Amino acid sequence: MFKKLNHFYDEHPYWGVLIAAAVGSVIGILIEYTVNDNFIGSAIYTVSFYSILMLLVGWRREKKRNSSKSRYF
């Protein structure tokens, strides 16, 4: 199962980031709501910043991977 997830992340780095952000947000919201019975709306900025940062990392990794493939072929 772990190999399948790694393969999916290697093939679709953008979807991997978006899925991780969505699942993490849902889990964080549920934990916050069960512990404190409230919802912190300003936390969306943190998730947005993290998602944009990780999308840029994925874009750079994809760009580097494609440039190294084109060198040899």
PDB file of N, CA and C in Angstrom:
ATOM      1  N   MET A   1       0.821  -1.189   0.000  1.00  0.00           N
ATOM      2  CA  MET A   1       0.000   0.000   0.000  1.00  0.00           C
ATOM      3  C   MET A   1       0.868   1.257   0.000  1.00  0.00           C
ATOM      4  N   PHE A   2       1.953   1.237   0.778  1.00  0.00           N
ATOM      5  CA  PHE A   2       2.850   2.381   0.853  1.00  0.00           C
ATOM      6  C   PHE A   2       3.509   2.643  -0.500  1.00  0.00           C
ATOM      7  N   LYS A   3       3.862   1.584  -1.224  1.00  0.00           N
ATOM      8  CA  LYS A   3       4.461   1.744  -2.548  1.00  0.00           C
ATOM      9  C   LYS A   3       3.475   2.368  -3.523  1.00  0.00           C
ATOM     10  N   LYS A   4       2.203   1.997  -3.415  1.00  0.00           N
ATOM     11  CA  LYS A   4       1.184   2.578  -4.289  1.00  0.00           C
ATOM     12  C   LYS A   4       1.020   4.065  -4.019  1.00  0.00           C
ATOM     13  N   LEU A   5       1.038   4.446  -2.739  1.00  0.00           N
ATOM     14  CA  LEU A   5       0.930   5.862  -2.394  1.00  0.00           C
ATOM     15  C   LEU A   5       2.138   6.655  -2.890  1.00  0.00           C
ATOM     16  N   ASN A   6       3.322   6.099  -2.753  1.00  0.00           N
ATOM     17  CA  ASN A   6       4.519   6.771  -3.255  1.00  0.00           C
ATOM     18  C   ASN A   6       4.482   6.905  -4.771  1.00  0.00           C
ATOM     19  N   HIS A   7       4.014   5.862  -5.445  1.00  0.00           N
ATOM     20  CA  HIS A   7       3.906   5.913  -6.902  1.00  0.00           C
ATOM     21  C   HIS A   7       2.888   6.973  -7.323  1.00  0.00           C
ATOM     22  N   PHE A   8       1.746   7.035  -6.622  1.00  0.00           N
ATOM     23  CA  PHE A   8       0.745   8.045  -6.928  1.00  0.00           C
ATOM     24  C   PHE A   8       1.308   9.440  -6.713  1.00  0.00           C
ATOM     25  N   TYR A   9       2.053   9.648  -5.633  1.00  0.00           N
ATOM     26  CA  TYR A   9       2.635  10.955  -5.355  1.00  0.00           C
ATOM     27  C   TYR A   9       3.686  11.327  -6.404  1.00  0.00           C
ATOM     28  N   ASP A  10       4.451  10.348  -6.864  1.00  0.00           N
ATOM     29  CA  ASP A  10       5.445  10.624  -7.900  1.00  0.00           C
ATOM     30  C   ASP A  10       4.796  10.971  -9.232  1.00  0.00           C
ATOM     31  N   GLU A  11       3.704  10.312  -9.552  1.00  0.00           N
ATOM     32  CA  GLU A  11       3.022  10.560 -10.821  1.00  0.00           C
ATOM     33  C   GLU A  11       2.158  11.827 -10.787  1.00  0.00           C
ATOM     34  N   HIS A  12       1.547  12.134  -9.644  1.00  0.00           N
ATOM     35  CA  HIS A  12       0.636  13.269  -9.512  1.00  0.00           C
ATOM     36  C   HIS A  12       0.985  14.073  -8.256  1.00  0.00           C
ATOM     37  N   PRO A  13       2.073  14.838  -8.291  1.00  0.00           N
ATOM     38  CA  PRO A  13       2.482  15.544  -7.072  1.00  0.00           C
ATOM     39  C   PRO A  13       1.476  16.602  -6.629  1.00  0.00           C
ATOM     40  N   TYR A  14       0.760  17.227  -7.562  1.00  0.00           N
ATOM     41  CA  TYR A  14      -0.194  18.271  -7.192  1.00  0.00           C
ATOM     42  C   TYR A  14      -1.394  17.679  -6.471  1.00  0.00           C
ATOM     43  N   TRP A  15      -1.897  16.557  -6.947  1.00  0.00           N
ATOM     44  CA  TRP A  15      -3.028  15.911  -6.284  1.00  0.00           C
ATOM     45  C   TRP A  15      -2.632  15.439  -4.898  1.00  0.00           C
ATOM     46  N   GLY A  16      -1.395  14.949  -4.762  1.00  0.00           N
ATOM     47  CA  GLY A  16      -0.928  14.518  -3.448  1.00  0.00           C
ATOM     48  C   GLY A  16      -0.943  15.631  -2.432  1.00  0.00           C
ATOM     49  N   VAL A  17      -0.528  16.814  -2.840  1.00  0.00           N
ATOM     50  CA  VAL A  17      -0.525  17.970  -1.938  1.00  0.00           C
ATOM     51  C   VAL A  17      -1.947  18.372  -1.578  1.00  0.00           C
ATOM     52  N   LEU A  18      -2.817  18.436  -2.576  1.00  0.00           N
ATOM     53  CA  LEU A  18      -4.192  18.856  -2.313  1.00  0.00           C
ATOM     54  C   LEU A  18      -4.936  17.851  -1.433  1.00  0.00           C
ATOM     55  N   ILE A  19      -4.710  16.576  -1.651  1.00  0.00           N
ATOM     56  CA  ILE A  19      -5.350  15.552  -0.817  1.00  0.00           C
ATOM     57  C   ILE A  19      -4.837  15.641   0.617  1.00  0.00           C
ATOM     58  N   ALA A  20      -3.527  15.807   0.782  1.00  0.00           N
ATOM     59  CA  ALA A  20      -2.957  15.926   2.130  1.00  0.00           C
ATOM     60  C   ALA A  20      -3.490  17.158   2.854  1.00  0.00           C
ATOM     61  N   ALA A  21      -3.622  18.275   2.143  1.00  0.00           N
ATOM     62  CA  ALA A  21      -4.147  19.495   2.765  1.00  0.00           C
ATOM     63  C   ALA A  21      -5.609  19.319   3.156  1.00  0.00           C
ATOM     64  N   ALA A  22      -6.391  18.685   2.304  1.00  0.00           N
ATOM     65  CA  ALA A  22      -7.812  18.487   2.600  1.00  0.00           C
ATOM     66  C   ALA A  22      -8.002  17.546   3.790  1.00  0.00           C
ATOM     67  N   VAL A  23      -7.288  16.436   3.793  1.00  0.00           N
ATOM     68  CA  VAL A  23      -7.419  15.472   4.894  1.00  0.00           C
ATOM     69  C   VAL A  23      -6.910  16.078   6.202  1.00  0.00           C
ATOM     70  N   GLY A  24      -5.788  16.773   6.136  1.00  0.00           N
ATOM     71  CA  GLY A  24      -5.262  17.430   7.334  1.00  0.00           C
ATOM     72  C   GLY A  24      -6.200  18.489   7.876  1.00  0.00           C
ATOM     73  N   SER A  25      -6.830  19.242   6.989  1.00  0.00           N
ATOM     74  CA  SER A  25      -7.786  20.262   7.425  1.00  0.00           C
ATOM     75  C   SER A  25      -8.993  19.648   8.111  1.00  0.00           C
ATOM     76  N   VAL A  26      -9.521  18.598   7.514  1.00  0.00           N
ATOM     77  CA  VAL A  26     -10.695  17.940   8.102  1.00  0.00           C
ATOM     78  C   VAL A  26     -10.355  17.371   9.476  1.00  0.00           C
ATOM     79  N   ILE A  27      -9.224  16.713   9.586  1.00  0.00           N
ATOM     80  CA  ILE A  27      -8.822  16.141  10.877  1.00  0.00           C
ATOM     81  C   ILE A  27      -8.598  17.251  11.907  1.00  0.00           C
ATOM     82  N   GLY A  28      -7.923  18.332  11.496  1.00  0.00           N
ATOM     83  CA  GLY A  28      -7.688  19.443  12.419  1.00  0.00           C
ATOM     84  C   GLY A  28      -8.976  20.114  12.864  1.00  0.00           C
ATOM     85  N   ILE A  29      -9.920  20.298  11.946  1.00  0.00           N
ATOM     86  CA  ILE A  29     -11.204  20.896  12.300  1.00  0.00           C
ATOM     87  C   ILE A  29     -11.961  20.003  13.274  1.00  0.00           C
ATOM     88  N   LEU A  30     -11.964  18.701  13.007  1.00  0.00           N
ATOM     89  CA  LEU A  30     -12.669  17.784  13.907  1.00  0.00           C
ATOM     90  C   LEU A  30     -12.059  17.761  15.303  1.00  0.00           C
ATOM     91  N   ILE A  31     -10.745  17.762  15.383  1.00  0.00           N
ATOM     92  CA  ILE A  31     -10.087  17.758  16.689  1.00  0.00           C
ATOM     93  C   ILE A  31     -10.380  19.058  17.438  1.00  0.00           C
ATOM     94  N   GLU A  32     -10.267  20.174  16.741  1.00  0.00           N
ATOM     95  CA  GLU A  32     -10.537  21.471  17.384  1.00  0.00           C
ATOM     96  C   GLU A  32     -11.984  21.555  17.855  1.00  0.00           C
ATOM     97  N   TYR A  33     -12.891  21.064  17.056  1.00  0.00           N
ATOM     98  CA  TYR A  33     -14.304  21.148  17.427  1.00  0.00           C
ATOM     99  C   TYR A  33     -14.625  20.237  18.609  1.00  0.00           C
ATOM    100  N   THR A  34     -14.036  19.037  18.646  1.00  0.00           N
ATOM    101  CA  THR A  34     -14.324  18.138  19.762  1.00  0.00           C
ATOM    102  C   THR A  34     -13.667  18.605  21.056  1.00  0.00           C
ATOM    103  N   VAL A  35     -12.511  19.218  20.981  1.00  0.00           N
ATOM    104  CA  VAL A  35     -11.808  19.649  22.192  1.00  0.00           C
ATOM    105  C   VAL A  35     -12.378  20.961  22.724  1.00  0.00           C
ATOM    106  N   ASN A  36     -12.544  21.962  21.857  1.00  0.00           N
ATOM    107  CA  ASN A  36     -12.923  23.299  22.317  1.00  0.00           C
ATOM    108  C   ASN A  36     -14.323  23.740  21.907  1.00  0.00           C
ATOM    109  N   ASP A  37     -15.030  22.938  21.147  1.00  0.00           N
ATOM    110  CA  ASP A  37     -16.376  23.262  20.663  1.00  0.00           C
ATOM    111  C   ASP A  37     -16.436  24.581  19.896  1.00  0.00           C
ATOM    112  N   ASN A  38     -15.411  24.864  19.112  1.00  0.00           N
ATOM    113  CA  ASN A  38     -15.454  26.036  18.241  1.00  0.00           C
ATOM    114  C   ASN A  38     -14.658  25.764  16.972  1.00  0.00           C
ATOM    115  N   PHE A  39     -14.776  26.674  16.032  1.00  0.00           N
ATOM    116  CA  PHE A  39     -14.091  26.564  14.744  1.00  0.00           C
ATOM    117  C   PHE A  39     -13.259  27.820  14.539  1.00  0.00           C
ATOM    118  N   ILE A  40     -11.996  27.635  14.233  1.00  0.00           N
ATOM    119  CA  ILE A  40     -11.098  28.767  14.012  1.00  0.00           C
ATOM    120  C   ILE A  40     -10.993  28.984  12.505  1.00  0.00           C
ATOM    121  N   GLY A  41     -11.659  30.020  12.031  1.00  0.00           N
ATOM    122  CA  GLY A  41     -11.691  30.297  10.604  1.00  0.00           C
ATOM    123  C   GLY A  41     -10.394  30.845  10.050  1.00  0.00           C
ATOM    124  N   SER A  42      -9.596  31.480  10.891  1.00  0.00           N
ATOM    125  CA  SER A  42      -8.345  32.068  10.411  1.00  0.00           C
ATOM    126  C   SER A  42      -7.281  31.010  10.108  1.00  0.00           C
ATOM    127  N   ALA A  43      -7.515  29.785  10.498  1.00  0.00           N
ATOM    128  CA  ALA A  43      -6.549  28.719  10.212  1.00  0.00           C
ATOM    129  C   ALA A  43      -6.493  28.393   8.732  1.00  0.00           C
ATOM    130  N   ILE A  44      -7.479  28.851   7.967  1.00  0.00           N
ATOM    131  CA  ILE A  44      -7.477  28.596   6.535  1.00  0.00           C
ATOM    132  C   ILE A  44      -6.283  29.277   5.864  1.00  0.00           C
ATOM    133  N   TYR A  45      -5.795  30.367   6.440  1.00  0.00           N
ATOM    134  CA  TYR A  45      -4.628  31.038   5.877  1.00  0.00           C
ATOM    135  C   TYR A  45      -3.377  30.169   6.000  1.00  0.00           C
ATOM    136  N   THR A  46      -3.232  29.490   7.103  1.00  0.00           N
ATOM    137  CA  THR A  46      -2.099  28.598   7.290  1.00  0.00           C
ATOM    138  C   THR A  46      -2.153  27.441   6.301  1.00  0.00           C
ATOM    139  N   VAL A  47      -3.318  26.861   6.144  1.00  0.00           N
ATOM    140  CA  VAL A  47      -3.475  25.753   5.196  1.00  0.00           C
ATOM    141  C   VAL A  47      -3.217  26.236   3.773  1.00  0.00           C
ATOM    142  N   SER A  48      -3.697  27.419   3.445  1.00  0.00           N
ATOM    143  CA  SER A  48      -3.478  27.966   2.103  1.00  0.00           C
ATOM    144  C   SER A  48      -1.995  28.208   1.847  1.00  0.00           C
ATOM    145  N   PHE A  49      -1.307  28.805   2.816  1.00  0.00           N
ATOM    146  CA  PHE A  49       0.126  29.059   2.660  1.00  0.00           C
ATOM    147  C   PHE A  49       0.894  27.756   2.504  1.00  0.00           C
ATOM    148  N   TYR A  50       0.591  26.769   3.350  1.00  0.00           N
ATOM    149  CA  TYR A  50       1.268  25.479   3.274  1.00  0.00           C
ATOM    150  C   TYR A  50       0.993  24.797   1.935  1.00  0.00           C
ATOM    151  N   SER A  51      -0.230  24.864   1.464  1.00  0.00           N
ATOM    152  CA  SER A  51      -0.586  24.229   0.192  1.00  0.00           C
ATOM    153  C   SER A  51       0.143  24.884  -0.973  1.00  0.00           C
ATOM    154  N   ILE A  52       0.186  26.201  -0.982  1.00  0.00           N
ATOM    155  CA  ILE A  52       0.894  26.900  -2.054  1.00  0.00           C
ATOM    156  C   ILE A  52       2.378  26.583  -2.017  1.00  0.00           C
ATOM    157  N   LEU A  53       2.949  26.548  -0.827  1.00  0.00           N
ATOM    158  CA  LEU A  53       4.366  26.214  -0.687  1.00  0.00           C
ATOM    159  C   LEU A  53       4.649  24.801  -1.204  1.00  0.00           C
ATOM    160  N   MET A  54       3.836  23.851  -0.825  1.00  0.00           N
ATOM    161  CA  MET A  54       4.049  22.471  -1.262  1.00  0.00           C
ATOM    162  C   MET A  54       3.767  22.297  -2.758  1.00  0.00           C
ATOM    163  N   LEU A  55       2.825  23.045  -3.319  1.00  0.00           N
ATOM    164  CA  LEU A  55       2.598  23.008  -4.763  1.00  0.00           C
ATOM    165  C   LEU A  55       3.813  23.536  -5.514  1.00  0.00           C
ATOM    166  N   LEU A  56       4.447  24.571  -4.980  1.00  0.00           N
ATOM    167  CA  LEU A  56       5.667  25.080  -5.607  1.00  0.00           C
ATOM    168  C   LEU A  56       6.804  24.070  -5.520  1.00  0.00           C
ATOM    169  N   VAL A  57       6.915  23.382  -4.394  1.00  0.00           N
ATOM    170  CA  VAL A  57       7.933  22.336  -4.258  1.00  0.00           C
ATOM    171  C   VAL A  57       7.666  21.207  -5.258  1.00  0.00           C
ATOM    172  N   GLY A  58       6.412  20.812  -5.387  1.00  0.00           N
ATOM    173  CA  GLY A  58       6.055  19.770  -6.352  1.00  0.00           C
ATOM    174  C   GLY A  58       6.305  20.205  -7.774  1.00  0.00           C
ATOM    175  N   TRP A  59       6.016  21.478  -8.090  1.00  0.00           N
ATOM    176  CA  TRP A  59       6.256  21.997  -9.424  1.00  0.00           C
ATOM    177  C   TRP A  59       7.748  21.991  -9.743  1.00  0.00           C
ATOM    178  N   ARG A  60       8.556  22.400  -8.763  1.00  0.00           N
ATOM    179  CA  ARG A  60      10.009  22.410  -8.966  1.00  0.00           C
ATOM    180  C   ARG A  60      10.551  20.990  -9.136  1.00  0.00           C
ATOM    181  N   ARG A  61      10.051  20.046  -8.331  1.00  0.00           N
ATOM    182  CA  ARG A  61      10.480  18.661  -8.438  1.00  0.00           C
ATOM    183  C   ARG A  61      10.099  18.076  -9.803  1.00  0.00           C
ATOM    184  N   GLU A  62       8.893  18.380 -10.265  1.00  0.00           N
ATOM    185  CA  GLU A  62       8.440  17.901 -11.568  1.00  0.00           C
ATOM    186  C   GLU A  62       9.278  18.510 -12.694  1.00  0.00           C
ATOM    187  N   LYS A  63       9.586  19.774 -12.564  1.00  0.00           N
ATOM    188  CA  LYS A  63      10.403  20.451 -13.566  1.00  0.00           C
ATOM    189  C   LYS A  63      11.805  19.847 -13.625  1.00  0.00           C
ATOM    190  N   LYS A  64      12.385  19.583 -12.459  1.00  0.00           N
ATOM    191  CA  LYS A  64      13.715  18.989 -12.390  1.00  0.00           C
ATOM    192  C   LYS A  64      13.705  17.570 -12.950  1.00  0.00           C
ATOM    193  N   ARG A  65      12.651  16.813 -12.641  1.00  0.00           N
ATOM    194  CA  ARG A  65      12.555  15.436 -13.126  1.00  0.00           C
ATOM    195  C   ARG A  65      12.400  15.408 -14.645  1.00  0.00           C
ATOM    196  N   ASN A  66      11.603  16.307 -15.198  1.00  0.00           N
ATOM    197  CA  ASN A  66      11.422  16.352 -16.642  1.00  0.00           C
ATOM    198  C   ASN A  66      12.674  16.823 -17.362  1.00  0.00           C
ATOM    199  N   SER A  67      13.415  17.742 -16.775  1.00  0.00           N
ATOM    200  CA  SER A  67      14.645  18.217 -17.426  1.00  0.00           C
ATOM    201  C   SER A  67      15.716  17.134 -17.397  1.00  0.00           C
ATOM    202  N   SER A  68      15.760  16.330 -16.364  1.00  0.00           N
ATOM    203  CA  SER A  68      16.779  15.258 -16.316  1.00  0.00           C
ATOM    204  C   SER A  68      16.409  14.131 -17.272  1.00  0.00           C
ATOM    205  N   LYS A  69      15.129  13.893 -17.498  1.00  0.00           N
ATOM    206  CA  LYS A  69      14.722  12.875 -18.465  1.00  0.00           C
ATOM    207  C   LYS A  69      15.063  13.313 -19.878  1.00  0.00           C
ATOM    208  N   SER A  70      14.872  14.586 -20.178  1.00  0.00           N
ATOM    209  CA  SER A  70      15.086  15.055 -21.551  1.00  0.00           C
ATOM    210  C   SER A  70      16.572  15.108 -21.909  1.00  0.00           C
ATOM    211  N   ARG A  71      17.441  15.155 -20.923  1.00  0.00           N
ATOM    212  CA  ARG A  71      18.871  15.163 -21.206  1.00  0.00           C
ATOM    213  C   ARG A  71      19.354  13.867 -21.814  1.00  0.00           C
ATOM    214  N   TYR A  72      18.790  12.761 -21.376  1.00  0.00           N
ATOM    215  CA  TYR A  72      19.297  11.466 -21.796  1.00  0.00           C
ATOM    216  C   TYR A  72      18.578  10.916 -23.007  1.00  0.00           C
ATOM    217  N   PHE A  73      17.463  11.515 -23.383  1.00  0.00           N
ATOM    218  CA  PHE A  73      16.716  10.976 -24.534  1.00  0.00           C
ATOM    219  C   PHE A  73      16.657  11.920 -25.681  1.00  0.00           C
TER     220      PHE A  73
END
